[in-house]
Amino acid sequence: KEMNAKDAANNTSPKVVANIDMTVNPGYSSENVKEFLEKLNKFIRTNEPNTYDYSYFISEDGKRITLIEKFRTSEDFIFHVDNFENGPNIAPFMKMFTFNSFVIAGNTSEVLRERIKAYPVDYRGNIGGWIY
């Protein structure tokens, strides 16, 4: 824990966090979303050991989703994007959800920024605190 705090204080933490706010597209129920995300979560757990936090949250009306993803490094985020785009989940994900905002926080590498330039990302750099 102290190493995480020290990295944060020195602004040297390699960890990257994504916070994505999405709308559930018309025609999809909360149950559809839940069933899909159960499959997606299993895929991530099986294939991405360095995606260490991966959580979906749904609004009370079932129409908005917040996804929070945490990665140890920018390279781990790139690995996740490669798995996502080249795997079985991208088509149903993009049909089910529309991005409202996509924030990536942390010291992102230029390689990561180039890799995900097709997405509507708002980058936020470290200025305090720490990520476990």
C-alpha atoms as a PDB file:
ATOM      1  CA  LYS A   1       0.000   0.000   0.000  1.00  0.00           C
ATOM      2  CA  GLU A   2       2.814   2.402   0.816  1.00  0.00           C
ATOM      3  CA  MET A   3       4.472   1.771  -2.551  1.00  0.00           C
ATOM      4  CA  ASN A   4       1.198   2.693  -4.278  1.00  0.00           C
ATOM      5  CA  ALA A   5       0.996   5.886  -2.231  1.00  0.00           C
ATOM      6  CA  LYS A   6       4.665   6.689  -2.915  1.00  0.00           C
ATOM      7  CA  ASP A   7       4.193   6.188  -6.673  1.00  0.00           C
ATOM      8  CA  ALA A   8       1.155   8.454  -6.557  1.00  0.00           C
ATOM      9  CA  ALA A   9       2.954  11.140  -4.542  1.00  0.00           C
ATOM     10  CA  ASN A  10       5.807  11.070  -7.065  1.00  0.00           C
ATOM     11  CA  ASN A  11       3.356  10.904  -9.997  1.00  0.00           C
ATOM     12  CA  THR A  12       5.071   7.726 -11.232  1.00  0.00           C
ATOM     13  CA  SER A  13       2.303   5.145 -10.892  1.00  0.00           C
ATOM     14  CA  PRO A  14       1.944   3.079 -14.071  1.00  0.00           C
ATOM     15  CA  LYS A  15      -1.636   2.066 -13.185  1.00  0.00           C
ATOM     16  CA  VAL A  16      -4.434   3.147 -15.500  1.00  0.00           C
ATOM     17  CA  VAL A  17      -8.161   3.435 -14.757  1.00  0.00           C
ATOM     18  CA  ALA A  18     -11.000   3.623 -17.263  1.00  0.00           C
ATOM     19  CA  ASN A  19     -14.408   4.993 -16.286  1.00  0.00           C
ATOM     20  CA  ILE A  20     -16.969   4.553 -19.049  1.00  0.00           C
ATOM     21  CA  ASP A  21     -20.525   5.847 -18.808  1.00  0.00           C
ATOM     22  CA  MET A  22     -22.926   4.219 -21.260  1.00  0.00           C
ATOM     23  CA  THR A  23     -26.582   4.108 -22.193  1.00  0.00           C
ATOM     24  CA  VAL A  24     -28.315   0.758 -22.652  1.00  0.00           C
ATOM     25  CA  ASN A  25     -29.670   0.838 -26.186  1.00  0.00           C
ATOM     26  CA  PRO A  26     -33.400   0.400 -26.862  1.00  0.00           C
ATOM     27  CA  GLY A  27     -34.542  -3.195 -27.045  1.00  0.00           C
ATOM     28  CA  TYR A  28     -32.259  -4.460 -24.265  1.00  0.00           C
ATOM     29  CA  SER A  29     -33.591  -5.214 -20.798  1.00  0.00           C
ATOM     30  CA  SER A  30     -31.670  -5.263 -17.536  1.00  0.00           C
ATOM     31  CA  GLU A  31     -31.830  -9.060 -17.746  1.00  0.00           C
ATOM     32  CA  ASN A  32     -30.259  -9.005 -21.251  1.00  0.00           C
ATOM     33  CA  VAL A  33     -27.484  -6.789 -19.900  1.00  0.00           C
ATOM     34  CA  LYS A  34     -26.908  -9.013 -16.864  1.00  0.00           C
ATOM     35  CA  GLU A  35     -26.718 -12.199 -18.975  1.00  0.00           C
ATOM     36  CA  PHE A  36     -24.259 -10.635 -21.411  1.00  0.00           C
ATOM     37  CA  LEU A  37     -22.066  -9.186 -18.674  1.00  0.00           C
ATOM     38  CA  GLU A  38     -21.852 -12.536 -16.884  1.00  0.00           C
ATOM     39  CA  LYS A  39     -20.327 -14.023 -20.055  1.00  0.00           C
ATOM     40  CA  LEU A  40     -18.085 -11.006 -20.568  1.00  0.00           C
ATOM     41  CA  ASN A  41     -16.841 -11.083 -16.968  1.00  0.00           C
ATOM     42  CA  LYS A  42     -15.910 -14.773 -17.303  1.00  0.00           C
ATOM     43  CA  PHE A  43     -14.019 -13.992 -20.509  1.00  0.00           C
ATOM     44  CA  ILE A  44     -12.054 -11.191 -18.816  1.00  0.00           C
ATOM     45  CA  ARG A  45     -11.242 -13.286 -15.725  1.00  0.00           C
ATOM     46  CA  THR A  46     -10.053 -16.178 -17.876  1.00  0.00           C
ATOM     47  CA  ASN A  47      -8.006 -14.194 -20.391  1.00  0.00           C
ATOM     48  CA  GLU A  48      -6.735 -11.055 -18.650  1.00  0.00           C
ATOM     49  CA  PRO A  49      -4.836 -11.640 -15.405  1.00  0.00           C
ATOM     50  CA  ASN A  50      -3.647  -8.016 -15.200  1.00  0.00           C
ATOM     51  CA  THR A  51      -7.120  -6.509 -15.448  1.00  0.00           C
ATOM     52  CA  TYR A  52      -7.377  -6.340 -11.688  1.00  0.00           C
ATOM     53  CA  ASP A  53     -10.641  -4.437 -11.290  1.00  0.00           C
ATOM     54  CA  TYR A  54     -13.497  -4.791 -13.733  1.00  0.00           C
ATOM     55  CA  SER A  55     -16.926  -3.692 -12.499  1.00  0.00           C
ATOM     56  CA  TYR A  56     -20.244  -2.737 -14.057  1.00  0.00           C
ATOM     57  CA  PHE A  57     -22.881  -0.656 -12.273  1.00  0.00           C
ATOM     58  CA  ILE A  58     -26.452  -0.120 -13.478  1.00  0.00           C
ATOM     59  CA  SER A  59     -28.835   2.744 -12.776  1.00  0.00           C
ATOM     60  CA  GLU A  60     -32.071   2.065 -10.949  1.00  0.00           C
ATOM     61  CA  ASP A  61     -34.076   2.428 -14.160  1.00  0.00           C
ATOM     62  CA  GLY A  62     -31.760  -0.027 -16.005  1.00  0.00           C
ATOM     63  CA  LYS A  63     -30.898   2.495 -18.724  1.00  0.00           C
ATOM     64  CA  ARG A  64     -27.380   3.618 -17.764  1.00  0.00           C
ATOM     65  CA  ILE A  65     -24.233   1.625 -17.103  1.00  0.00           C
ATOM     66  CA  THR A  66     -20.942   2.660 -15.545  1.00  0.00           C
ATOM     67  CA  LEU A  67     -17.931   0.465 -16.265  1.00  0.00           C
ATOM     68  CA  ILE A  68     -14.778   0.836 -14.180  1.00  0.00           C
ATOM     69  CA  GLU A  69     -11.653  -0.988 -15.322  1.00  0.00           C
ATOM     70  CA  LYS A  70      -8.217  -0.919 -13.688  1.00  0.00           C
ATOM     71  CA  PHE A  71      -4.973  -2.069 -15.236  1.00  0.00           C
ATOM     72  CA  ARG A  72      -1.473  -2.392 -13.804  1.00  0.00           C
ATOM     73  CA  THR A  73       0.069  -0.706 -16.858  1.00  0.00           C
ATOM     74  CA  SER A  74      -0.781   0.871 -20.196  1.00  0.00           C
ATOM     75  CA  GLU A  75       0.461  -2.354 -21.813  1.00  0.00           C
ATOM     76  CA  ASP A  76      -2.136  -4.327 -19.839  1.00  0.00           C
ATOM     77  CA  PHE A  77      -4.829  -1.946 -21.107  1.00  0.00           C
ATOM     78  CA  ILE A  78      -3.624  -2.493 -24.687  1.00  0.00           C
ATOM     79  CA  PHE A  79      -3.819  -6.262 -24.108  1.00  0.00           C
ATOM     80  CA  HIS A  80      -7.422  -5.791 -22.927  1.00  0.00           C
ATOM     81  CA  VAL A  81      -8.345  -3.708 -25.985  1.00  0.00           C
ATOM     82  CA  ASP A  82      -6.773  -6.305 -28.295  1.00  0.00           C
ATOM     83  CA  ASN A  83      -8.758  -9.090 -26.585  1.00  0.00           C
ATOM     84  CA  PHE A  84     -11.944  -7.050 -26.768  1.00  0.00           C
ATOM     85  CA  GLU A  85     -11.647  -6.016 -30.395  1.00  0.00           C
ATOM     86  CA  ASN A  86     -10.474  -9.426 -31.623  1.00  0.00           C
ATOM     87  CA  GLY A  87     -12.745 -11.532 -29.426  1.00  0.00           C
ATOM     88  CA  PRO A  88     -16.375 -12.584 -29.397  1.00  0.00           C
ATOM     89  CA  ASN A  89     -17.676  -9.671 -27.290  1.00  0.00           C
ATOM     90  CA  ILE A  90     -17.200  -6.504 -29.319  1.00  0.00           C
ATOM     91  CA  ALA A  91     -20.235  -6.902 -31.611  1.00  0.00           C
ATOM     92  CA  PRO A  92     -22.796  -7.582 -28.870  1.00  0.00           C
ATOM     93  CA  PHE A  93     -21.211  -4.918 -26.622  1.00  0.00           C
ATOM     94  CA  MET A  94     -21.436  -2.225 -29.281  1.00  0.00           C
ATOM     95  CA  LYS A  95     -25.025  -3.190 -30.127  1.00  0.00           C
ATOM     96  CA  MET A  96     -26.090  -3.137 -26.480  1.00  0.00           C
ATOM     97  CA  PHE A  97     -24.389   0.077 -25.332  1.00  0.00           C
ATOM     98  CA  THR A  98     -23.696   3.638 -26.479  1.00  0.00           C
ATOM     99  CA  PHE A  99     -20.795   5.548 -24.928  1.00  0.00           C
ATOM    100  CA  ASN A 100     -21.697   8.797 -23.171  1.00  0.00           C
ATOM    101  CA  SER A 101     -18.247   9.415 -21.732  1.00  0.00           C
ATOM    102  CA  PHE A 102     -14.959   7.515 -21.673  1.00  0.00           C
ATOM    103  CA  VAL A 103     -12.414   8.791 -19.156  1.00  0.00           C
ATOM    104  CA  ILE A 104      -8.967   7.254 -18.830  1.00  0.00           C
ATOM    105  CA  ALA A 105      -7.075   8.346 -15.758  1.00  0.00           C
ATOM    106  CA  GLY A 106      -3.403   7.844 -15.002  1.00  0.00           C
ATOM    107  CA  ASN A 107      -0.041   8.132 -16.675  1.00  0.00           C
ATOM    108  CA  THR A 108      -0.991   6.657 -20.029  1.00  0.00           C
ATOM    109  CA  SER A 109       1.656   5.750 -22.562  1.00  0.00           C
ATOM    110  CA  GLU A 110       1.717   7.226 -26.037  1.00  0.00           C
ATOM    111  CA  VAL A 111       1.419   3.674 -27.380  1.00  0.00           C
ATOM    112  CA  LEU A 112      -1.888   3.254 -25.519  1.00  0.00           C
ATOM    113  CA  ARG A 113      -3.154   6.617 -26.725  1.00  0.00           C
ATOM    114  CA  GLU A 114      -2.353   5.704 -30.312  1.00  0.00           C
ATOM    115  CA  ARG A 115      -3.922   2.250 -29.939  1.00  0.00           C
ATOM    116  CA  ILE A 116      -7.292   3.593 -28.718  1.00  0.00           C
ATOM    117  CA  LYS A 117      -7.491   6.785 -30.756  1.00  0.00           C
ATOM    118  CA  ALA A 118     -10.706   5.532 -32.414  1.00  0.00           C
ATOM    119  CA  TYR A 119     -12.556   5.816 -29.090  1.00  0.00           C
ATOM    120  CA  PRO A 120     -13.901   9.116 -27.657  1.00  0.00           C
ATOM    121  CA  VAL A 121     -11.428   9.276 -24.748  1.00  0.00           C
ATOM    122  CA  ASP A 122     -11.013  12.113 -22.259  1.00  0.00           C
ATOM    123  CA  TYR A 123      -7.577  11.683 -20.641  1.00  0.00           C
ATOM    124  CA  ARG A 124      -6.976  12.724 -17.038  1.00  0.00           C
ATOM    125  CA  GLY A 125      -3.486  12.764 -15.493  1.00  0.00           C
ATOM    126  CA  ASN A 126      -2.532  12.032 -11.893  1.00  0.00           C
ATOM    127  CA  ILE A 127      -2.520  14.926  -9.433  1.00  0.00           C
ATOM    128  CA  GLY A 128      -2.987  13.156  -6.101  1.00  0.00           C
ATOM    129  CA  GLY A 129      -4.149  10.071  -4.260  1.00  0.00           C
ATOM    130  CA  TRP A 130      -3.345   6.494  -5.179  1.00  0.00           C
ATOM    131  CA  ILE A 131      -4.764   3.403  -6.864  1.00  0.00           C
ATOM    132  CA  TYR A 132      -4.591  -0.024  -5.259  1.00  0.00           C
END
